[in-house]
Amino acid sequence: MKSEPEAGSVLARARQSLYVSSMARQYRHKTTSIFLLNYHFVWIPRRRRRVLKADVATRLRILLRKKLVELDCETLALEVQPDHVHLFLSATPDLSPRQIMHRLKGYSARALRAEFPALMRMPSMWTRSYFVSTAGNVSSQTIRRYIEKQAKQD
């Protein structure tokens, strides 16, 4: 028969294991951390020009998804409108929202302007500003639905 402290520690480990396995569906794991960092970003082209159409929009989606994989971020929702971009993602604690946005805007601007010469007429591809909001589990579905509705409204 196990002594009292041993039984308690086994029970505590079992509870912890159950708690972590139930969280696994929504929380992300690294070697030393468990986290849930969801960000909703919105940003616009310079002077809110309606340049994110057709091939430019398609290529932007591809570029953003590629860069997000490189940054170890998960795309939860992405919608490209002619004059703005909505991006809902799950990030790691290694990057701040400012770093994520800086890398996404810089990478996409260079690639898009190289592929589409008409974009070179703009002084820059993106404005320096952006909107970012954090979201937990409760509001994640709400944000996803909101972003999906954006495509239907335009």
C-alpha atoms as a PDB file:
ATOM      1  CA  MET A   1       0.000   0.000   0.000  1.00  0.00           C
ATOM      2  CA  LYS A   2       1.287   3.474  -0.896  1.00  0.00           C
ATOM      3  CA  SER A   3       2.053   5.994   1.774  1.00  0.00           C
ATOM      4  CA  GLU A   4      -0.082   9.127   2.054  1.00  0.00           C
ATOM      5  CA  PRO A   5       2.375  11.568   0.349  1.00  0.00           C
ATOM      6  CA  GLU A   6       2.999   9.158  -2.551  1.00  0.00           C
ATOM      7  CA  ALA A   7      -0.711   8.655  -3.193  1.00  0.00           C
ATOM      8  CA  GLY A   8      -1.270  12.413  -3.147  1.00  0.00           C
ATOM      9  CA  SER A   9       1.507  13.096  -5.627  1.00  0.00           C
ATOM     10  CA  VAL A  10       0.230  10.375  -7.968  1.00  0.00           C
ATOM     11  CA  LEU A  11      -3.245  11.885  -7.793  1.00  0.00           C
ATOM     12  CA  ALA A  12      -1.853  15.375  -8.374  1.00  0.00           C
ATOM     13  CA  ARG A  13       0.095  14.180 -11.424  1.00  0.00           C
ATOM     14  CA  ALA A  14      -3.000  12.436 -12.788  1.00  0.00           C
ATOM     15  CA  ARG A  15      -5.072  15.597 -12.351  1.00  0.00           C
ATOM     16  CA  GLN A  16      -2.355  17.696 -14.014  1.00  0.00           C
ATOM     17  CA  SER A  17      -2.146  15.230 -16.903  1.00  0.00           C
ATOM     18  CA  LEU A  18      -5.927  15.305 -17.382  1.00  0.00           C
ATOM     19  CA  TYR A  19      -5.930  19.127 -17.224  1.00  0.00           C
ATOM     20  CA  VAL A  20      -3.127  19.444 -19.779  1.00  0.00           C
ATOM     21  CA  SER A  21      -4.669  16.888 -22.149  1.00  0.00           C
ATOM     22  CA  SER A  22      -8.017  18.707 -22.077  1.00  0.00           C
ATOM     23  CA  MET A  23      -6.208  21.981 -22.823  1.00  0.00           C
ATOM     24  CA  ALA A  24      -4.193  20.446 -25.665  1.00  0.00           C
ATOM     25  CA  ARG A  25      -6.950  21.018 -28.168  1.00  0.00           C
ATOM     26  CA  GLN A  26      -6.742  24.788 -27.814  1.00  0.00           C
ATOM     27  CA  TYR A  27      -3.433  25.582 -26.141  1.00  0.00           C
ATOM     28  CA  ARG A  28      -0.077  25.344 -27.879  1.00  0.00           C
ATOM     29  CA  HIS A  29       2.989  23.779 -26.326  1.00  0.00           C
ATOM     30  CA  LYS A  30       6.712  24.421 -26.471  1.00  0.00           C
ATOM     31  CA  THR A  31       9.471  22.801 -24.473  1.00  0.00           C
ATOM     32  CA  THR A  32       9.054  25.037 -21.449  1.00  0.00           C
ATOM     33  CA  SER A  33       5.680  26.713 -21.933  1.00  0.00           C
ATOM     34  CA  ILE A  34       1.989  26.233 -22.611  1.00  0.00           C
ATOM     35  CA  PHE A  35       0.273  29.224 -24.168  1.00  0.00           C
ATOM     36  CA  LEU A  36      -2.690  30.648 -26.031  1.00  0.00           C
ATOM     37  CA  LEU A  37      -1.842  33.922 -27.784  1.00  0.00           C
ATOM     38  CA  ASN A  38      -4.438  34.788 -30.414  1.00  0.00           C
ATOM     39  CA  TYR A  39      -4.173  38.142 -32.169  1.00  0.00           C
ATOM     40  CA  HIS A  40      -6.592  39.846 -34.541  1.00  0.00           C
ATOM     41  CA  PHE A  41      -4.738  42.216 -36.897  1.00  0.00           C
ATOM     42  CA  VAL A  42      -6.192  44.696 -39.390  1.00  0.00           C
ATOM     43  CA  TRP A  43      -4.041  46.861 -41.667  1.00  0.00           C
ATOM     44  CA  ILE A  44      -4.437  48.877 -44.849  1.00  0.00           C
ATOM     45  CA  PRO A  45      -2.467  49.796 -47.958  1.00  0.00           C
ATOM     46  CA  ARG A  46      -0.992  53.290 -48.117  1.00  0.00           C
ATOM     47  CA  ARG A  47      -3.728  55.918 -48.574  1.00  0.00           C
ATOM     48  CA  ARG A  48      -6.260  53.067 -48.303  1.00  0.00           C
ATOM     49  CA  ARG A  49      -6.001  52.441 -52.017  1.00  0.00           C
ATOM     50  CA  ARG A  50      -8.078  49.542 -53.318  1.00  0.00           C
ATOM     51  CA  VAL A  51      -5.124  47.601 -54.742  1.00  0.00           C
ATOM     52  CA  LEU A  52      -5.660  44.234 -53.052  1.00  0.00           C
ATOM     53  CA  LYS A  53      -7.728  42.709 -55.841  1.00  0.00           C
ATOM     54  CA  ALA A  54      -7.574  39.612 -58.044  1.00  0.00           C
ATOM     55  CA  ASP A  55      -3.999  38.332 -58.484  1.00  0.00           C
ATOM     56  CA  VAL A  56      -2.551  40.716 -55.883  1.00  0.00           C
ATOM     57  CA  ALA A  57      -4.996  39.460 -53.229  1.00  0.00           C
ATOM     58  CA  THR A  58      -4.355  35.830 -54.113  1.00  0.00           C
ATOM     59  CA  ARG A  59      -0.601  36.297 -53.979  1.00  0.00           C
ATOM     60  CA  LEU A  60      -0.856  38.227 -50.686  1.00  0.00           C
ATOM     61  CA  ARG A  61      -2.743  35.318 -49.085  1.00  0.00           C
ATOM     62  CA  ILE A  62      -0.016  32.903 -50.197  1.00  0.00           C
ATOM     63  CA  LEU A  63       2.789  35.179 -48.980  1.00  0.00           C
ATOM     64  CA  LEU A  64       1.190  35.778 -45.583  1.00  0.00           C
ATOM     65  CA  ARG A  65       0.553  32.078 -44.970  1.00  0.00           C
ATOM     66  CA  LYS A  66       4.121  31.234 -45.982  1.00  0.00           C
ATOM     67  CA  LYS A  67       5.605  33.847 -43.655  1.00  0.00           C
ATOM     68  CA  LEU A  68       3.348  32.805 -40.775  1.00  0.00           C
ATOM     69  CA  VAL A  69       4.616  29.238 -41.070  1.00  0.00           C
ATOM     70  CA  GLU A  70       8.193  30.573 -40.932  1.00  0.00           C
ATOM     71  CA  LEU A  71       7.287  32.558 -37.797  1.00  0.00           C
ATOM     72  CA  ASP A  72       5.711  29.463 -36.189  1.00  0.00           C
ATOM     73  CA  CYS A  73       2.271  31.116 -36.141  1.00  0.00           C
ATOM     74  CA  GLU A  74      -1.007  29.412 -37.028  1.00  0.00           C
ATOM     75  CA  THR A  75      -3.446  31.156 -39.357  1.00  0.00           C
ATOM     76  CA  LEU A  76      -6.913  30.971 -37.795  1.00  0.00           C
ATOM     77  CA  ALA A  77      -8.644  33.256 -40.321  1.00  0.00           C
ATOM     78  CA  LEU A  78      -7.476  35.457 -43.174  1.00  0.00           C
ATOM     79  CA  GLU A  79      -9.542  37.783 -45.325  1.00  0.00           C
ATOM     80  CA  VAL A  80      -8.118  40.153 -47.919  1.00  0.00           C
ATOM     81  CA  GLN A  81     -10.428  42.994 -48.937  1.00  0.00           C
ATOM     82  CA  PRO A  82      -9.560  45.489 -51.707  1.00  0.00           C
ATOM     83  CA  ASP A  83      -8.574  48.145 -49.149  1.00  0.00           C
ATOM     84  CA  HIS A  84      -7.668  46.213 -45.974  1.00  0.00           C
ATOM     85  CA  VAL A  85      -6.540  42.883 -44.539  1.00  0.00           C
ATOM     86  CA  HIS A  86      -7.968  40.968 -41.566  1.00  0.00           C
ATOM     87  CA  LEU A  87      -5.726  38.338 -40.019  1.00  0.00           C
ATOM     88  CA  PHE A  88      -6.518  36.211 -36.989  1.00  0.00           C
ATOM     89  CA  LEU A  89      -3.591  34.110 -35.817  1.00  0.00           C
ATOM     90  CA  SER A  90      -2.173  32.112 -32.966  1.00  0.00           C
ATOM     91  CA  ALA A  91       1.367  33.184 -32.096  1.00  0.00           C
ATOM     92  CA  THR A  92       4.161  31.983 -29.864  1.00  0.00           C
ATOM     93  CA  PRO A  93       5.460  33.991 -26.894  1.00  0.00           C
ATOM     94  CA  ASP A  94       8.751  34.509 -28.752  1.00  0.00           C
ATOM     95  CA  LEU A  95       7.318  37.311 -30.910  1.00  0.00           C
ATOM     96  CA  SER A  96       5.494  40.469 -29.929  1.00  0.00           C
ATOM     97  CA  PRO A  97       2.561  41.713 -32.038  1.00  0.00           C
ATOM     98  CA  ARG A  98       4.802  44.553 -33.275  1.00  0.00           C
ATOM     99  CA  GLN A  99       7.440  42.072 -34.485  1.00  0.00           C
ATOM    100  CA  ILE A 100       4.838  39.924 -36.228  1.00  0.00           C
ATOM    101  CA  MET A 101       3.325  42.882 -38.052  1.00  0.00           C
ATOM    102  CA  HIS A 102       6.733  44.305 -38.991  1.00  0.00           C
ATOM    103  CA  ARG A 103       7.804  41.003 -40.542  1.00  0.00           C
ATOM    104  CA  LEU A 104       4.520  40.372 -42.357  1.00  0.00           C
ATOM    105  CA  LYS A 105       4.307  43.878 -43.822  1.00  0.00           C
ATOM    106  CA  GLY A 106       7.974  44.043 -44.806  1.00  0.00           C
ATOM    107  CA  TYR A 107       8.039  40.616 -46.451  1.00  0.00           C
ATOM    108  CA  SER A 108       4.735  41.031 -48.291  1.00  0.00           C
ATOM    109  CA  ALA A 109       5.528  44.579 -49.479  1.00  0.00           C
ATOM    110  CA  ARG A 110       8.881  43.566 -50.983  1.00  0.00           C
ATOM    111  CA  ALA A 111       7.446  40.500 -52.698  1.00  0.00           C
ATOM    112  CA  LEU A 112       4.274  42.162 -54.020  1.00  0.00           C
ATOM    113  CA  ARG A 113       6.068  45.237 -55.352  1.00  0.00           C
ATOM    114  CA  ALA A 114       8.632  43.008 -57.099  1.00  0.00           C
ATOM    115  CA  GLU A 115       5.904  40.908 -58.750  1.00  0.00           C
ATOM    116  CA  PHE A 116       3.396  43.678 -59.553  1.00  0.00           C
ATOM    117  CA  PRO A 117       5.125  46.777 -61.000  1.00  0.00           C
ATOM    118  CA  ALA A 118       1.920  48.856 -60.735  1.00  0.00           C
ATOM    119  CA  LEU A 119       2.371  48.818 -56.941  1.00  0.00           C
ATOM    120  CA  MET A 120       5.702  50.635 -57.312  1.00  0.00           C
ATOM    121  CA  ARG A 121       3.756  53.847 -58.048  1.00  0.00           C
ATOM    122  CA  MET A 122       2.643  53.927 -54.410  1.00  0.00           C
ATOM    123  CA  PRO A 123       5.095  55.643 -52.028  1.00  0.00           C
ATOM    124  CA  SER A 124       4.995  52.466 -49.910  1.00  0.00           C
ATOM    125  CA  MET A 125       2.805  49.386 -49.878  1.00  0.00           C
ATOM    126  CA  TRP A 126       1.448  49.617 -46.331  1.00  0.00           C
ATOM    127  CA  THR A 127       0.810  52.364 -43.808  1.00  0.00           C
ATOM    128  CA  ARG A 128       2.911  52.194 -40.663  1.00  0.00           C
ATOM    129  CA  SER A 129      -0.164  51.770 -38.477  1.00  0.00           C
ATOM    130  CA  TYR A 130      -2.270  48.705 -37.746  1.00  0.00           C
ATOM    131  CA  PHE A 131      -4.950  47.481 -35.358  1.00  0.00           C
ATOM    132  CA  VAL A 132      -4.291  44.542 -33.037  1.00  0.00           C
ATOM    133  CA  SER A 133      -6.459  42.937 -30.415  1.00  0.00           C
ATOM    134  CA  THR A 134      -5.902  39.907 -28.239  1.00  0.00           C
ATOM    135  CA  ALA A 135      -8.476  37.162 -28.031  1.00  0.00           C
ATOM    136  CA  GLY A 136      -8.937  34.185 -25.765  1.00  0.00           C
ATOM    137  CA  ASN A 137     -11.035  31.082 -26.274  1.00  0.00           C
ATOM    138  CA  VAL A 138     -14.392  32.703 -25.696  1.00  0.00           C
ATOM    139  CA  SER A 139     -14.046  35.361 -28.363  1.00  0.00           C
ATOM    140  CA  SER A 140     -12.062  33.347 -30.928  1.00  0.00           C
ATOM    141  CA  GLN A 141     -15.176  31.983 -32.632  1.00  0.00           C
ATOM    142  CA  THR A 142     -16.740  35.449 -32.623  1.00  0.00           C
ATOM    143  CA  ILE A 143     -13.702  36.959 -34.329  1.00  0.00           C
ATOM    144  CA  ARG A 144     -13.579  34.157 -36.913  1.00  0.00           C
ATOM    145  CA  ARG A 145     -17.250  34.737 -37.793  1.00  0.00           C
ATOM    146  CA  TYR A 146     -16.675  38.499 -38.011  1.00  0.00           C
ATOM    147  CA  ILE A 147     -13.748  38.092 -40.402  1.00  0.00           C
ATOM    148  CA  GLU A 148     -15.674  35.619 -42.572  1.00  0.00           C
ATOM    149  CA  LYS A 149     -18.599  38.068 -42.765  1.00  0.00           C
ATOM    150  CA  GLN A 150     -16.275  40.785 -44.081  1.00  0.00           C
ATOM    151  CA  ALA A 151     -15.999  39.002 -47.425  1.00  0.00           C
ATOM    152  CA  LYS A 152     -19.772  38.736 -47.721  1.00  0.00           C
ATOM    153  CA  GLN A 153     -20.348  42.444 -46.982  1.00  0.00           C
ATOM    154  CA  ASP A 154     -18.107  43.803 -49.744  1.00  0.00           C
END
